[in-house]
């Protein structure tokens, strides 16, 4: 008898960074309506690009609830002005997540965990995790330096992992496979993004010249070993000028062999170029 192994289910959202840099911005309602029509949920960023007001403030909750009604929602944690985020603001965004039925994706700094070997002084993170546990809101720690992420997981058993494929592809200390092997058991959120291996371009998965297809296969096979409820977030935004130029020149001059390819002054990236 042939045993067919079940394939896990992944629910999908799209990061609201998809709508950044539009000349005419869509409203929150229009963004949600578009994504819902395409069958996706939404991963909310705490602010609109270029604005300061946080979407997670209590006065905005009715609008958020109405706009995302019937959608799968995830929330990207807000950032503190100096990296950390106060417990009061954490409490508000946790309560907002409870209202929306969302998880919260955060990083080491926002959670209040120092990037240090002993990680002493993490009482702030303990308070955050306690607040989230009481309201049954999942906190997902986004991929950062692998050793620091693993230590945070050792400290807090209810902490989930968000595996960011773009970050794991860029790390020159650990391989993509090592990230997957060490994190997969506790991964409940994915940031699905691609890059050329030089900087975190946040390109769509499957980028020509990006992450090898074998890495995507390896990730799915590893995740399929565990019975986790996973949200896959397409974390991408409109192409930056350097990416569009690269795609156009590769097609014209490498694939088609057109003559007189312009010569770069340098292979170094233009220093002010910083997409996030």
C-alpha atoms as a PDB file:
ATOM      1  CA  UNK A   1       0.000   0.000   0.000  1.00  0.00           C
ATOM      2  CA  UNK A   2       1.297   3.428  -0.963  1.00  0.00           C
ATOM      3  CA  UNK A   3       1.167   5.973   1.863  1.00  0.00           C
ATOM      4  CA  UNK A   4       0.534   9.514   0.644  1.00  0.00           C
ATOM      5  CA  UNK A   5       1.883  12.096   3.026  1.00  0.00           C
ATOM      6  CA  UNK A   6      -0.455  14.978   3.755  1.00  0.00           C
ATOM      7  CA  UNK A   7       0.694  18.439   2.736  1.00  0.00           C
ATOM      8  CA  UNK A   8       0.218  21.092   5.388  1.00  0.00           C
ATOM      9  CA  UNK A   9      -2.026  24.063   4.811  1.00  0.00           C
ATOM     10  CA  UNK A  10      -0.708  27.621   4.715  1.00  0.00           C
ATOM     11  CA  UNK A  11      -2.948  30.682   4.866  1.00  0.00           C
ATOM     12  CA  UNK A  12      -1.703  33.701   2.962  1.00  0.00           C
ATOM     13  CA  UNK A  13      -1.606  37.438   3.559  1.00  0.00           C
ATOM     14  CA  UNK A  14       0.087  40.296   1.723  1.00  0.00           C
ATOM     15  CA  UNK A  15       2.105  42.959   3.514  1.00  0.00           C
ATOM     16  CA  UNK A  16       0.671  46.444   3.126  1.00  0.00           C
ATOM     17  CA  UNK A  17       4.152  47.574   2.005  1.00  0.00           C
ATOM     18  CA  UNK A  18       2.927  46.405  -1.417  1.00  0.00           C
ATOM     19  CA  UNK A  19       1.183  49.760  -1.717  1.00  0.00           C
ATOM     20  CA  UNK A  20       4.152  51.965  -0.813  1.00  0.00           C
ATOM     21  CA  UNK A  21       5.475  54.621  -3.178  1.00  0.00           C
ATOM     22  CA  UNK A  22       2.275  55.042  -5.131  1.00  0.00           C
ATOM     23  CA  UNK A  23       1.742  58.521  -6.561  1.00  0.00           C
ATOM     24  CA  UNK A  24      -1.908  58.278  -5.563  1.00  0.00           C
ATOM     25  CA  UNK A  25      -2.237  56.338  -2.328  1.00  0.00           C
ATOM     26  CA  UNK A  26      -5.103  53.949  -1.800  1.00  0.00           C
ATOM     27  CA  UNK A  27      -7.128  54.165   1.377  1.00  0.00           C
ATOM     28  CA  UNK A  28      -6.917  51.363   3.918  1.00  0.00           C
ATOM     29  CA  UNK A  29     -10.355  50.238   2.799  1.00  0.00           C
ATOM     30  CA  UNK A  30      -9.282  50.129  -0.857  1.00  0.00           C
ATOM     31  CA  UNK A  31      -6.142  48.159  -0.025  1.00  0.00           C
ATOM     32  CA  UNK A  32      -8.148  45.616   1.941  1.00  0.00           C
ATOM     33  CA  UNK A  33     -10.855  45.385  -0.701  1.00  0.00           C
ATOM     34  CA  UNK A  34      -8.268  44.703  -3.407  1.00  0.00           C
ATOM     35  CA  UNK A  35      -6.434  42.010  -1.433  1.00  0.00           C
ATOM     36  CA  UNK A  36      -9.689  40.380  -0.360  1.00  0.00           C
ATOM     37  CA  UNK A  37     -10.815  40.236  -3.994  1.00  0.00           C
ATOM     38  CA  UNK A  38      -7.607  38.357  -4.802  1.00  0.00           C
ATOM     39  CA  UNK A  39      -8.173  35.851  -1.987  1.00  0.00           C
ATOM     40  CA  UNK A  40      -5.533  37.220   0.418  1.00  0.00           C
ATOM     41  CA  UNK A  41      -5.535  38.539   3.933  1.00  0.00           C
ATOM     42  CA  UNK A  42      -3.398  41.507   4.978  1.00  0.00           C
ATOM     43  CA  UNK A  43      -0.308  42.054   7.102  1.00  0.00           C
ATOM     44  CA  UNK A  44      -0.688  45.562   8.448  1.00  0.00           C
ATOM     45  CA  UNK A  45       2.234  47.905   8.923  1.00  0.00           C
ATOM     46  CA  UNK A  46       1.750  50.212  11.910  1.00  0.00           C
ATOM     47  CA  UNK A  47       2.133  53.375   9.836  1.00  0.00           C
ATOM     48  CA  UNK A  48       1.513  54.477   6.290  1.00  0.00           C
ATOM     49  CA  UNK A  49       4.783  55.144   4.484  1.00  0.00           C
ATOM     50  CA  UNK A  50       5.947  58.681   5.208  1.00  0.00           C
ATOM     51  CA  UNK A  51       3.447  59.282   8.028  1.00  0.00           C
ATOM     52  CA  UNK A  52       3.841  59.161  11.785  1.00  0.00           C
ATOM     53  CA  UNK A  53       0.410  58.222  13.162  1.00  0.00           C
ATOM     54  CA  UNK A  54       0.155  54.616  14.312  1.00  0.00           C
ATOM     55  CA  UNK A  55      -2.768  52.613  12.983  1.00  0.00           C
ATOM     56  CA  UNK A  56      -2.950  50.632  16.226  1.00  0.00           C
ATOM     57  CA  UNK A  57      -4.034  53.537  18.411  1.00  0.00           C
ATOM     58  CA  UNK A  58      -7.400  52.844  20.013  1.00  0.00           C
ATOM     59  CA  UNK A  59      -9.206  55.577  18.092  1.00  0.00           C
ATOM     60  CA  UNK A  60      -8.408  53.688  14.859  1.00  0.00           C
ATOM     61  CA  UNK A  61      -9.707  50.301  15.995  1.00  0.00           C
ATOM     62  CA  UNK A  62     -13.265  50.660  14.604  1.00  0.00           C
ATOM     63  CA  UNK A  63     -11.901  51.570  11.166  1.00  0.00           C
ATOM     64  CA  UNK A  64      -9.378  48.707  11.212  1.00  0.00           C
ATOM     65  CA  UNK A  65     -12.055  46.226  12.263  1.00  0.00           C
ATOM     66  CA  UNK A  66     -14.464  47.391   9.555  1.00  0.00           C
ATOM     67  CA  UNK A  67     -11.844  47.464   6.781  1.00  0.00           C
ATOM     68  CA  UNK A  68     -10.494  43.983   7.579  1.00  0.00           C
ATOM     69  CA  UNK A  69     -13.845  42.348   8.300  1.00  0.00           C
ATOM     70  CA  UNK A  70     -13.817  38.784   6.978  1.00  0.00           C
ATOM     71  CA  UNK A  71     -10.058  38.854   6.309  1.00  0.00           C
ATOM     72  CA  UNK A  72      -7.106  37.033   7.814  1.00  0.00           C
ATOM     73  CA  UNK A  73      -5.049  39.720   9.566  1.00  0.00           C
ATOM     74  CA  UNK A  74      -1.476  39.880  10.790  1.00  0.00           C
ATOM     75  CA  UNK A  75       0.170  42.909  12.392  1.00  0.00           C
ATOM     76  CA  UNK A  76       3.712  44.138  12.086  1.00  0.00           C
ATOM     77  CA  UNK A  77       4.790  45.565  15.433  1.00  0.00           C
ATOM     78  CA  UNK A  78       5.376  49.267  15.718  1.00  0.00           C
ATOM     79  CA  UNK A  79       8.884  50.515  16.482  1.00  0.00           C
ATOM     80  CA  UNK A  80       9.993  52.700  19.325  1.00  0.00           C
ATOM     81  CA  UNK A  81      11.861  55.898  18.519  1.00  0.00           C
ATOM     82  CA  UNK A  82      15.056  54.421  19.909  1.00  0.00           C
ATOM     83  CA  UNK A  83      14.417  50.809  18.958  1.00  0.00           C
ATOM     84  CA  UNK A  84      12.497  49.558  21.999  1.00  0.00           C
ATOM     85  CA  UNK A  85       8.759  49.927  22.458  1.00  0.00           C
ATOM     86  CA  UNK A  86       7.139  50.911  25.746  1.00  0.00           C
ATOM     87  CA  UNK A  87       4.938  48.443  27.612  1.00  0.00           C
ATOM     88  CA  UNK A  88       2.003  50.830  27.276  1.00  0.00           C
ATOM     89  CA  UNK A  89       2.268  50.787  23.484  1.00  0.00           C
ATOM     90  CA  UNK A  90       2.762  47.040  23.500  1.00  0.00           C
ATOM     91  CA  UNK A  91      -0.418  46.666  25.538  1.00  0.00           C
ATOM     92  CA  UNK A  92      -2.400  48.731  23.016  1.00  0.00           C
ATOM     93  CA  UNK A  93      -1.177  46.829  19.996  1.00  0.00           C
ATOM     94  CA  UNK A  94      -1.762  43.476  21.710  1.00  0.00           C
ATOM     95  CA  UNK A  95      -5.338  44.528  22.493  1.00  0.00           C
ATOM     96  CA  UNK A  96      -5.717  45.652  18.869  1.00  0.00           C
ATOM     97  CA  UNK A  97      -4.448  42.261  17.682  1.00  0.00           C
ATOM     98  CA  UNK A  98      -6.969  40.520  19.933  1.00  0.00           C
ATOM     99  CA  UNK A  99      -9.769  42.596  18.389  1.00  0.00           C
ATOM    100  CA  UNK A 100      -8.659  41.737  14.830  1.00  0.00           C
ATOM    101  CA  UNK A 101      -7.836  38.100  15.544  1.00  0.00           C
ATOM    102  CA  UNK A 102      -4.260  38.816  14.469  1.00  0.00           C
ATOM    103  CA  UNK A 103      -0.810  37.684  15.443  1.00  0.00           C
ATOM    104  CA  UNK A 104       2.023  40.194  15.882  1.00  0.00           C
ATOM    105  CA  UNK A 105       5.331  39.983  14.032  1.00  0.00           C
ATOM    106  CA  UNK A 106       8.156  41.732  15.847  1.00  0.00           C
ATOM    107  CA  UNK A 107      11.946  41.872  16.031  1.00  0.00           C
ATOM    108  CA  UNK A 108      14.470  41.617  18.839  1.00  0.00           C
ATOM    109  CA  UNK A 109      14.708  45.374  19.433  1.00  0.00           C
ATOM    110  CA  UNK A 110      10.977  46.042  19.558  1.00  0.00           C
ATOM    111  CA  UNK A 111      10.503  43.123  21.913  1.00  0.00           C
ATOM    112  CA  UNK A 112      13.178  44.543  24.180  1.00  0.00           C
ATOM    113  CA  UNK A 113      15.687  41.728  23.873  1.00  0.00           C
ATOM    114  CA  UNK A 114      19.310  42.877  23.649  1.00  0.00           C
ATOM    115  CA  UNK A 115      21.437  41.308  20.947  1.00  0.00           C
ATOM    116  CA  UNK A 116      24.030  39.935  23.344  1.00  0.00           C
ATOM    117  CA  UNK A 117      25.223  36.505  24.312  1.00  0.00           C
ATOM    118  CA  UNK A 118      23.893  36.463  27.848  1.00  0.00           C
ATOM    119  CA  UNK A 119      20.719  38.427  27.066  1.00  0.00           C
ATOM    120  CA  UNK A 120      20.400  39.589  30.636  1.00  0.00           C
ATOM    121  CA  UNK A 121      17.993  42.431  31.255  1.00  0.00           C
ATOM    122  CA  UNK A 122      15.129  40.974  29.226  1.00  0.00           C
ATOM    123  CA  UNK A 123      12.444  41.669  31.826  1.00  0.00           C
ATOM    124  CA  UNK A 124      10.760  43.993  29.316  1.00  0.00           C
ATOM    125  CA  UNK A 125      10.289  41.103  26.897  1.00  0.00           C
ATOM    126  CA  UNK A 126       8.965  38.935  29.705  1.00  0.00           C
ATOM    127  CA  UNK A 127       6.275  41.540  30.461  1.00  0.00           C
ATOM    128  CA  UNK A 128       5.333  41.704  26.768  1.00  0.00           C
ATOM    129  CA  UNK A 129       5.060  37.935  26.471  1.00  0.00           C
ATOM    130  CA  UNK A 130       2.951  37.790  29.633  1.00  0.00           C
ATOM    131  CA  UNK A 131       0.512  40.383  28.265  1.00  0.00           C
ATOM    132  CA  UNK A 132       0.249  38.532  24.951  1.00  0.00           C
ATOM    133  CA  UNK A 133      -0.223  35.140  26.621  1.00  0.00           C
ATOM    134  CA  UNK A 134      -3.062  36.472  28.772  1.00  0.00           C
ATOM    135  CA  UNK A 135      -4.964  37.604  25.668  1.00  0.00           C
ATOM    136  CA  UNK A 136      -3.945  34.555  23.609  1.00  0.00           C
ATOM    137  CA  UNK A 137      -2.157  36.678  21.001  1.00  0.00           C
ATOM    138  CA  UNK A 138       0.752  34.986  19.253  1.00  0.00           C
ATOM    139  CA  UNK A 139       4.045  36.893  19.138  1.00  0.00           C
ATOM    140  CA  UNK A 140       6.222  35.891  16.187  1.00  0.00           C
ATOM    141  CA  UNK A 141       9.884  36.874  16.308  1.00  0.00           C
ATOM    142  CA  UNK A 142      11.145  37.772  12.849  1.00  0.00           C
ATOM    143  CA  UNK A 143      14.400  36.317  11.603  1.00  0.00           C
ATOM    144  CA  UNK A 144      17.454  38.168  12.843  1.00  0.00           C
ATOM    145  CA  UNK A 145      20.915  36.893  13.791  1.00  0.00           C
ATOM    146  CA  UNK A 146      20.294  33.168  14.167  1.00  0.00           C
ATOM    147  CA  UNK A 147      21.981  32.715  17.549  1.00  0.00           C
ATOM    148  CA  UNK A 148      20.047  35.608  19.095  1.00  0.00           C
ATOM    149  CA  UNK A 149      16.712  34.350  17.774  1.00  0.00           C
ATOM    150  CA  UNK A 150      17.385  30.882  19.166  1.00  0.00           C
ATOM    151  CA  UNK A 151      18.330  32.283  22.582  1.00  0.00           C
ATOM    152  CA  UNK A 152      15.111  34.278  22.677  1.00  0.00           C
ATOM    153  CA  UNK A 153      13.207  31.083  21.918  1.00  0.00           C
ATOM    154  CA  UNK A 154      14.942  29.355  24.813  1.00  0.00           C
ATOM    155  CA  UNK A 155      13.839  32.139  27.138  1.00  0.00           C
ATOM    156  CA  UNK A 156      10.166  32.165  26.132  1.00  0.00           C
ATOM    157  CA  UNK A 157       8.521  28.872  25.266  1.00  0.00           C
ATOM    158  CA  UNK A 158       5.364  30.537  23.861  1.00  0.00           C
ATOM    159  CA  UNK A 159       7.391  32.679  21.452  1.00  0.00           C
ATOM    160  CA  UNK A 160       6.839  31.764  17.801  1.00  0.00           C
ATOM    161  CA  UNK A 161       9.236  32.295  14.901  1.00  0.00           C
ATOM    162  CA  UNK A 162       8.705  34.257  11.707  1.00  0.00           C
ATOM    163  CA  UNK A 163      11.160  32.961   9.104  1.00  0.00           C
ATOM    164  CA  UNK A 164      12.122  35.714   6.667  1.00  0.00           C
ATOM    165  CA  UNK A 165      13.391  34.064   3.491  1.00  0.00           C
ATOM    166  CA  UNK A 166      15.139  37.221   2.310  1.00  0.00           C
ATOM    167  CA  UNK A 167      17.165  37.612   5.502  1.00  0.00           C
ATOM    168  CA  UNK A 168      18.121  33.939   5.574  1.00  0.00           C
ATOM    169  CA  UNK A 169      19.264  34.129   1.951  1.00  0.00           C
ATOM    170  CA  UNK A 170      21.555  37.084   2.688  1.00  0.00           C
ATOM    171  CA  UNK A 171      23.352  35.823   5.802  1.00  0.00           C
ATOM    172  CA  UNK A 172      26.981  34.979   5.016  1.00  0.00           C
ATOM    173  CA  UNK A 173      27.554  33.255   8.357  1.00  0.00           C
ATOM    174  CA  UNK A 174      24.814  30.633   8.286  1.00  0.00           C
ATOM    175  CA  UNK A 175      23.305  28.931   5.258  1.00  0.00           C
ATOM    176  CA  UNK A 176      19.648  29.115   4.319  1.00  0.00           C
ATOM    177  CA  UNK A 177      19.318  25.435   5.194  1.00  0.00           C
ATOM    178  CA  UNK A 178      20.733  26.065   8.669  1.00  0.00           C
ATOM    179  CA  UNK A 179      18.125  28.763   9.312  1.00  0.00           C
ATOM    180  CA  UNK A 180      15.379  26.408   8.223  1.00  0.00           C
ATOM    181  CA  UNK A 181      16.675  23.433  10.210  1.00  0.00           C
ATOM    182  CA  UNK A 182      17.034  25.400  13.446  1.00  0.00           C
ATOM    183  CA  UNK A 183      13.795  27.393  13.270  1.00  0.00           C
ATOM    184  CA  UNK A 184      11.243  25.270  11.393  1.00  0.00           C
ATOM    185  CA  UNK A 185       9.751  23.492  14.407  1.00  0.00           C
ATOM    186  CA  UNK A 186       8.462  26.781  15.866  1.00  0.00           C
ATOM    187  CA  UNK A 187       7.737  28.694  12.655  1.00  0.00           C
ATOM    188  CA  UNK A 188       4.142  29.908  12.455  1.00  0.00           C
ATOM    189  CA  UNK A 189       4.729  32.884  10.171  1.00  0.00           C
ATOM    190  CA  UNK A 190       6.698  33.334   6.957  1.00  0.00           C
ATOM    191  CA  UNK A 191       7.914  36.453   5.217  1.00  0.00           C
ATOM    192  CA  UNK A 192       8.048  35.298   1.623  1.00  0.00           C
ATOM    193  CA  UNK A 193      10.426  37.575  -0.227  1.00  0.00           C
ATOM    194  CA  UNK A 194      13.386  37.336  -2.588  1.00  0.00           C
ATOM    195  CA  UNK A 195      16.548  39.255  -3.393  1.00  0.00           C
ATOM    196  CA  UNK A 196      19.713  39.116  -5.486  1.00  0.00           C
ATOM    197  CA  UNK A 197      21.884  38.209  -2.502  1.00  0.00           C
ATOM    198  CA  UNK A 198      23.313  41.698  -1.917  1.00  0.00           C
ATOM    199  CA  UNK A 199      20.612  43.542  -0.007  1.00  0.00           C
ATOM    200  CA  UNK A 200      17.049  42.938   1.160  1.00  0.00           C
ATOM    201  CA  UNK A 201      15.283  44.065  -2.019  1.00  0.00           C
ATOM    202  CA  UNK A 202      11.901  42.578  -0.989  1.00  0.00           C
ATOM    203  CA  UNK A 203      11.278  41.284  -4.484  1.00  0.00           C
ATOM    204  CA  UNK A 204       8.517  38.744  -5.285  1.00  0.00           C
ATOM    205  CA  UNK A 205       9.457  35.096  -4.716  1.00  0.00           C
ATOM    206  CA  UNK A 206      10.909  33.437  -7.800  1.00  0.00           C
ATOM    207  CA  UNK A 207      13.082  36.371  -8.827  1.00  0.00           C
ATOM    208  CA  UNK A 208      15.355  35.500 -11.742  1.00  0.00           C
ATOM    209  CA  UNK A 209      18.848  35.475 -10.271  1.00  0.00           C
ATOM    210  CA  UNK A 210      17.441  35.364  -6.755  1.00  0.00           C
ATOM    211  CA  UNK A 211      17.108  32.568  -4.236  1.00  0.00           C
ATOM    212  CA  UNK A 212      17.560  29.095  -5.783  1.00  0.00           C
ATOM    213  CA  UNK A 213      14.409  27.066  -6.279  1.00  0.00           C
ATOM    214  CA  UNK A 214      16.040  24.321  -4.220  1.00  0.00           C
ATOM    215  CA  UNK A 215      15.864  26.601  -1.168  1.00  0.00           C
ATOM    216  CA  UNK A 216      12.117  27.056  -1.568  1.00  0.00           C
ATOM    217  CA  UNK A 217      11.676  23.291  -1.889  1.00  0.00           C
ATOM    218  CA  UNK A 218      13.838  22.702   1.186  1.00  0.00           C
ATOM    219  CA  UNK A 219      11.788  25.168   3.225  1.00  0.00           C
ATOM    220  CA  UNK A 220       8.453  23.615   2.323  1.00  0.00           C
ATOM    221  CA  UNK A 221       9.698  20.091   2.997  1.00  0.00           C
ATOM    222  CA  UNK A 222      11.038  21.113   6.414  1.00  0.00           C
ATOM    223  CA  UNK A 223       7.852  22.918   7.424  1.00  0.00           C
ATOM    224  CA  UNK A 224       5.795  19.932   6.345  1.00  0.00           C
ATOM    225  CA  UNK A 225       7.386  17.884   9.138  1.00  0.00           C
ATOM    226  CA  UNK A 226       5.491  19.867  11.769  1.00  0.00           C
ATOM    227  CA  UNK A 227       1.786  20.404  12.322  1.00  0.00           C
ATOM    228  CA  UNK A 228       1.948  24.188  12.667  1.00  0.00           C
ATOM    229  CA  UNK A 229      -0.760  26.635  11.666  1.00  0.00           C
ATOM    230  CA  UNK A 230       1.284  28.850   9.346  1.00  0.00           C
ATOM    231  CA  UNK A 231       0.620  32.256   7.807  1.00  0.00           C
ATOM    232  CA  UNK A 232       2.628  33.005   4.687  1.00  0.00           C
ATOM    233  CA  UNK A 233       3.052  36.733   4.099  1.00  0.00           C
ATOM    234  CA  UNK A 234       4.112  38.047   0.703  1.00  0.00           C
ATOM    235  CA  UNK A 235       6.401  40.821   1.899  1.00  0.00           C
ATOM    236  CA  UNK A 236       7.305  42.783  -1.201  1.00  0.00           C
ATOM    237  CA  UNK A 237       7.054  46.288  -2.517  1.00  0.00           C
ATOM    238  CA  UNK A 238       7.243  47.991  -5.903  1.00  0.00           C
ATOM    239  CA  UNK A 239      10.584  47.611  -7.640  1.00  0.00           C
ATOM    240  CA  UNK A 240      13.242  50.145  -6.754  1.00  0.00           C
ATOM    241  CA  UNK A 241      15.019  51.949  -9.630  1.00  0.00           C
ATOM    242  CA  UNK A 242      18.173  49.820  -9.328  1.00  0.00           C
ATOM    243  CA  UNK A 243      16.136  46.625  -9.563  1.00  0.00           C
ATOM    244  CA  UNK A 244      14.200  47.779 -12.630  1.00  0.00           C
ATOM    245  CA  UNK A 245      17.437  48.786 -14.327  1.00  0.00           C
ATOM    246  CA  UNK A 246      19.019  45.443 -13.538  1.00  0.00           C
ATOM    247  CA  UNK A 247      16.065  43.486 -14.892  1.00  0.00           C
ATOM    248  CA  UNK A 248      15.948  45.557 -18.084  1.00  0.00           C
ATOM    249  CA  UNK A 249      19.688  45.419 -18.772  1.00  0.00           C
ATOM    250  CA  UNK A 250      19.945  41.680 -18.051  1.00  0.00           C
ATOM    251  CA  UNK A 251      17.186  41.024 -20.568  1.00  0.00           C
ATOM    252  CA  UNK A 252      18.509  43.315 -23.295  1.00  0.00           C
ATOM    253  CA  UNK A 253      22.236  42.753 -23.043  1.00  0.00           C
ATOM    254  CA  UNK A 254      22.615  39.266 -21.533  1.00  0.00           C
ATOM    255  CA  UNK A 255      19.625  37.397 -22.928  1.00  0.00           C
ATOM    256  CA  UNK A 256      19.149  39.187 -26.251  1.00  0.00           C
ATOM    257  CA  UNK A 257      22.744  40.278 -26.834  1.00  0.00           C
ATOM    258  CA  UNK A 258      21.969  43.898 -27.740  1.00  0.00           C
ATOM    259  CA  UNK A 259      25.047  46.073 -28.367  1.00  0.00           C
ATOM    260  CA  UNK A 260      26.630  48.979 -26.477  1.00  0.00           C
ATOM    261  CA  UNK A 261      25.718  48.085 -22.886  1.00  0.00           C
ATOM    262  CA  UNK A 262      26.256  51.092 -20.607  1.00  0.00           C
ATOM    263  CA  UNK A 263      29.197  50.711 -18.223  1.00  0.00           C
ATOM    264  CA  UNK A 264      28.730  51.276 -14.491  1.00  0.00           C
ATOM    265  CA  UNK A 265      31.049  53.677 -12.733  1.00  0.00           C
ATOM    266  CA  UNK A 266      31.199  51.237  -9.806  1.00  0.00           C
ATOM    267  CA  UNK A 267      29.698  47.953  -8.676  1.00  0.00           C
ATOM    268  CA  UNK A 268      29.009  49.441  -5.263  1.00  0.00           C
ATOM    269  CA  UNK A 269      25.430  50.342  -4.432  1.00  0.00           C
ATOM    270  CA  UNK A 270      24.617  54.031  -4.324  1.00  0.00           C
ATOM    271  CA  UNK A 271      24.893  54.801  -0.611  1.00  0.00           C
ATOM    272  CA  UNK A 272      21.583  56.710  -0.145  1.00  0.00           C
ATOM    273  CA  UNK A 273      19.739  53.761  -1.709  1.00  0.00           C
ATOM    274  CA  UNK A 274      17.887  52.261   1.212  1.00  0.00           C
ATOM    275  CA  UNK A 275      14.477  50.790   0.397  1.00  0.00           C
ATOM    276  CA  UNK A 276      13.201  50.542   3.991  1.00  0.00           C
END
